[in-house]
Amino acid sequence: LSSSPAGPARILAAGGGTGDMVVFLAEICARFVSEEYPYRCGGREGVELYHLDLSEASINIARERLEARNLPEAGTTVTFFQGSLL
């Protein structure tokens, strides 16, 4: 979670694989984030999810899993990165 005092909450799923964590978080956000009821965490609005994995195939599966569930919804974004933390 970002320590920035303003702006959206930022969450990194490092080693995100086929998307278990990012799908779970997007589903939670879908319940609590909307234009009518924005997520607020220390003055922040919205949620930015970042999915990082080495495997392009795993990232594609994660994308497909989100699309199959019509996620993310308003107030939440998901950005995919292929690479390593190291």
C-alpha atoms as a PDB file:
ATOM      1  CA  LEU A   1       0.000   0.000   0.000  1.00  0.00           C
ATOM      2  CA  SER A   2       1.397   3.381  -0.890  1.00  0.00           C
ATOM      3  CA  SER A   3       2.370   5.772   1.888  1.00  0.00           C
ATOM      4  CA  SER A   4       1.389   8.837  -0.118  1.00  0.00           C
ATOM      5  CA  PRO A   5      -1.072  10.942   1.905  1.00  0.00           C
ATOM      6  CA  ALA A   6      -3.236  11.795  -1.125  1.00  0.00           C
ATOM      7  CA  GLY A   7      -4.463  10.137  -4.285  1.00  0.00           C
ATOM      8  CA  PRO A   8      -5.592   6.550  -4.731  1.00  0.00           C
ATOM      9  CA  ALA A   9      -4.481   3.617  -2.621  1.00  0.00           C
ATOM     10  CA  ARG A  10      -1.851   1.653  -4.560  1.00  0.00           C
ATOM     11  CA  ILE A  11      -1.448  -2.092  -4.090  1.00  0.00           C
ATOM     12  CA  LEU A  12       1.238  -4.265  -5.691  1.00  0.00           C
ATOM     13  CA  ALA A  13       0.718  -7.989  -6.283  1.00  0.00           C
ATOM     14  CA  ALA A  14       4.367  -8.982  -6.823  1.00  0.00           C
ATOM     15  CA  GLY A  15       4.726 -12.442  -8.293  1.00  0.00           C
ATOM     16  CA  GLY A  16       1.049 -12.178  -9.201  1.00  0.00           C
ATOM     17  CA  GLY A  17       0.987 -15.389 -11.243  1.00  0.00           C
ATOM     18  CA  THR A  18      -2.382 -16.158 -12.826  1.00  0.00           C
ATOM     19  CA  GLY A  19      -4.088 -13.411 -10.879  1.00  0.00           C
ATOM     20  CA  ASP A  20      -5.490 -14.886  -7.663  1.00  0.00           C
ATOM     21  CA  MET A  21      -4.568 -11.803  -5.635  1.00  0.00           C
ATOM     22  CA  VAL A  22      -5.496  -9.178  -8.218  1.00  0.00           C
ATOM     23  CA  VAL A  23      -8.866 -10.871  -8.919  1.00  0.00           C
ATOM     24  CA  PHE A  24      -9.586 -11.092  -5.182  1.00  0.00           C
ATOM     25  CA  LEU A  25      -8.674  -7.442  -4.633  1.00  0.00           C
ATOM     26  CA  ALA A  26     -10.672  -6.288  -7.669  1.00  0.00           C
ATOM     27  CA  GLU A  27     -13.715  -8.197  -6.352  1.00  0.00           C
ATOM     28  CA  ILE A  28     -13.338  -6.572  -2.927  1.00  0.00           C
ATOM     29  CA  CYS A  29     -12.976  -3.163  -4.562  1.00  0.00           C
ATOM     30  CA  ALA A  30     -16.086  -3.794  -6.668  1.00  0.00           C
ATOM     31  CA  ARG A  31     -18.051  -4.098  -3.419  1.00  0.00           C
ATOM     32  CA  PHE A  32     -16.682  -0.961  -1.816  1.00  0.00           C
ATOM     33  CA  VAL A  33     -15.604   1.353  -4.618  1.00  0.00           C
ATOM     34  CA  SER A  34     -18.035   3.158  -6.852  1.00  0.00           C
ATOM     35  CA  GLU A  35     -18.575   6.654  -8.106  1.00  0.00           C
ATOM     36  CA  GLU A  36     -21.327   7.060  -5.499  1.00  0.00           C
ATOM     37  CA  TYR A  37     -19.253   5.602  -2.642  1.00  0.00           C
ATOM     38  CA  PRO A  38     -15.531   6.108  -3.279  1.00  0.00           C
ATOM     39  CA  TYR A  39     -13.044   4.100  -1.261  1.00  0.00           C
ATOM     40  CA  ARG A  40     -11.403   6.319   1.308  1.00  0.00           C
ATOM     41  CA  CYS A  41      -8.209   5.378   3.092  1.00  0.00           C
ATOM     42  CA  GLY A  42      -6.426   8.188   4.867  1.00  0.00           C
ATOM     43  CA  GLY A  43      -7.979  10.737   2.502  1.00  0.00           C
ATOM     44  CA  ARG A  44      -7.360   8.662  -0.642  1.00  0.00           C
ATOM     45  CA  GLU A  45      -9.925   8.009  -3.332  1.00  0.00           C
ATOM     46  CA  GLY A  46      -9.917   4.983  -5.592  1.00  0.00           C
ATOM     47  CA  VAL A  47      -7.628   1.972  -5.782  1.00  0.00           C
ATOM     48  CA  GLU A  48      -4.806   1.223  -8.222  1.00  0.00           C
ATOM     49  CA  LEU A  49      -3.824  -2.446  -8.427  1.00  0.00           C
ATOM     50  CA  TYR A  50      -0.479  -3.409  -9.952  1.00  0.00           C
ATOM     51  CA  HIS A  51       0.151  -7.001 -11.054  1.00  0.00           C
ATOM     52  CA  LEU A  52       3.803  -7.963 -11.557  1.00  0.00           C
ATOM     53  CA  ASP A  53       4.976 -11.328 -12.854  1.00  0.00           C
ATOM     54  CA  LEU A  54       7.834 -12.763 -14.898  1.00  0.00           C
ATOM     55  CA  SER A  55       5.556 -14.861 -17.110  1.00  0.00           C
ATOM     56  CA  GLU A  56       3.665 -13.257 -19.980  1.00  0.00           C
ATOM     57  CA  ALA A  57       1.431 -16.345 -20.133  1.00  0.00           C
ATOM     58  CA  SER A  58       0.468 -15.915 -16.463  1.00  0.00           C
ATOM     59  CA  ILE A  59      -0.258 -12.231 -16.995  1.00  0.00           C
ATOM     60  CA  ASN A  60      -2.536 -13.074 -19.936  1.00  0.00           C
ATOM     61  CA  ILE A  61      -4.432 -15.577 -17.786  1.00  0.00           C
ATOM     62  CA  ALA A  62      -4.823 -12.937 -15.064  1.00  0.00           C
ATOM     63  CA  ARG A  63      -6.228 -10.494 -17.635  1.00  0.00           C
ATOM     64  CA  GLU A  64      -8.663 -13.122 -18.925  1.00  0.00           C
ATOM     65  CA  ARG A  65      -9.819 -13.917 -15.389  1.00  0.00           C
ATOM     66  CA  LEU A  66     -10.580 -10.252 -14.740  1.00  0.00           C
ATOM     67  CA  GLU A  67     -12.392  -9.874 -18.066  1.00  0.00           C
ATOM     68  CA  ALA A  68     -14.489 -12.991 -17.374  1.00  0.00           C
ATOM     69  CA  ARG A  69     -15.687 -11.335 -14.148  1.00  0.00           C
ATOM     70  CA  ASN A  70     -16.203  -7.886 -15.732  1.00  0.00           C
ATOM     71  CA  LEU A  71     -13.529  -6.419 -13.470  1.00  0.00           C
ATOM     72  CA  PRO A  72     -12.295  -3.930 -12.516  1.00  0.00           C
ATOM     73  CA  GLU A  73     -15.241  -1.660 -11.867  1.00  0.00           C
ATOM     74  CA  ALA A  74     -15.370   2.120 -11.518  1.00  0.00           C
ATOM     75  CA  GLY A  75     -12.897   3.537  -9.038  1.00  0.00           C
ATOM     76  CA  THR A  76     -10.392   0.719  -9.513  1.00  0.00           C
ATOM     77  CA  THR A  77      -7.678   0.260 -12.117  1.00  0.00           C
ATOM     78  CA  VAL A  78      -5.412  -2.713 -12.802  1.00  0.00           C
ATOM     79  CA  THR A  79      -2.038  -2.309 -14.498  1.00  0.00           C
ATOM     80  CA  PHE A  80       0.052  -5.306 -15.584  1.00  0.00           C
ATOM     81  CA  PHE A  81       3.848  -5.423 -15.660  1.00  0.00           C
ATOM     82  CA  GLN A  82       6.086  -8.207 -16.885  1.00  0.00           C
ATOM     83  CA  GLY A  83       9.356  -8.322 -14.983  1.00  0.00           C
ATOM     84  CA  SER A  84      11.068  -8.873 -11.671  1.00  0.00           C
ATOM     85  CA  LEU A  85      11.382  -6.875  -8.482  1.00  0.00           C
ATOM     86  CA  LEU A  86      15.087  -7.600  -8.460  1.00  0.00           C
END
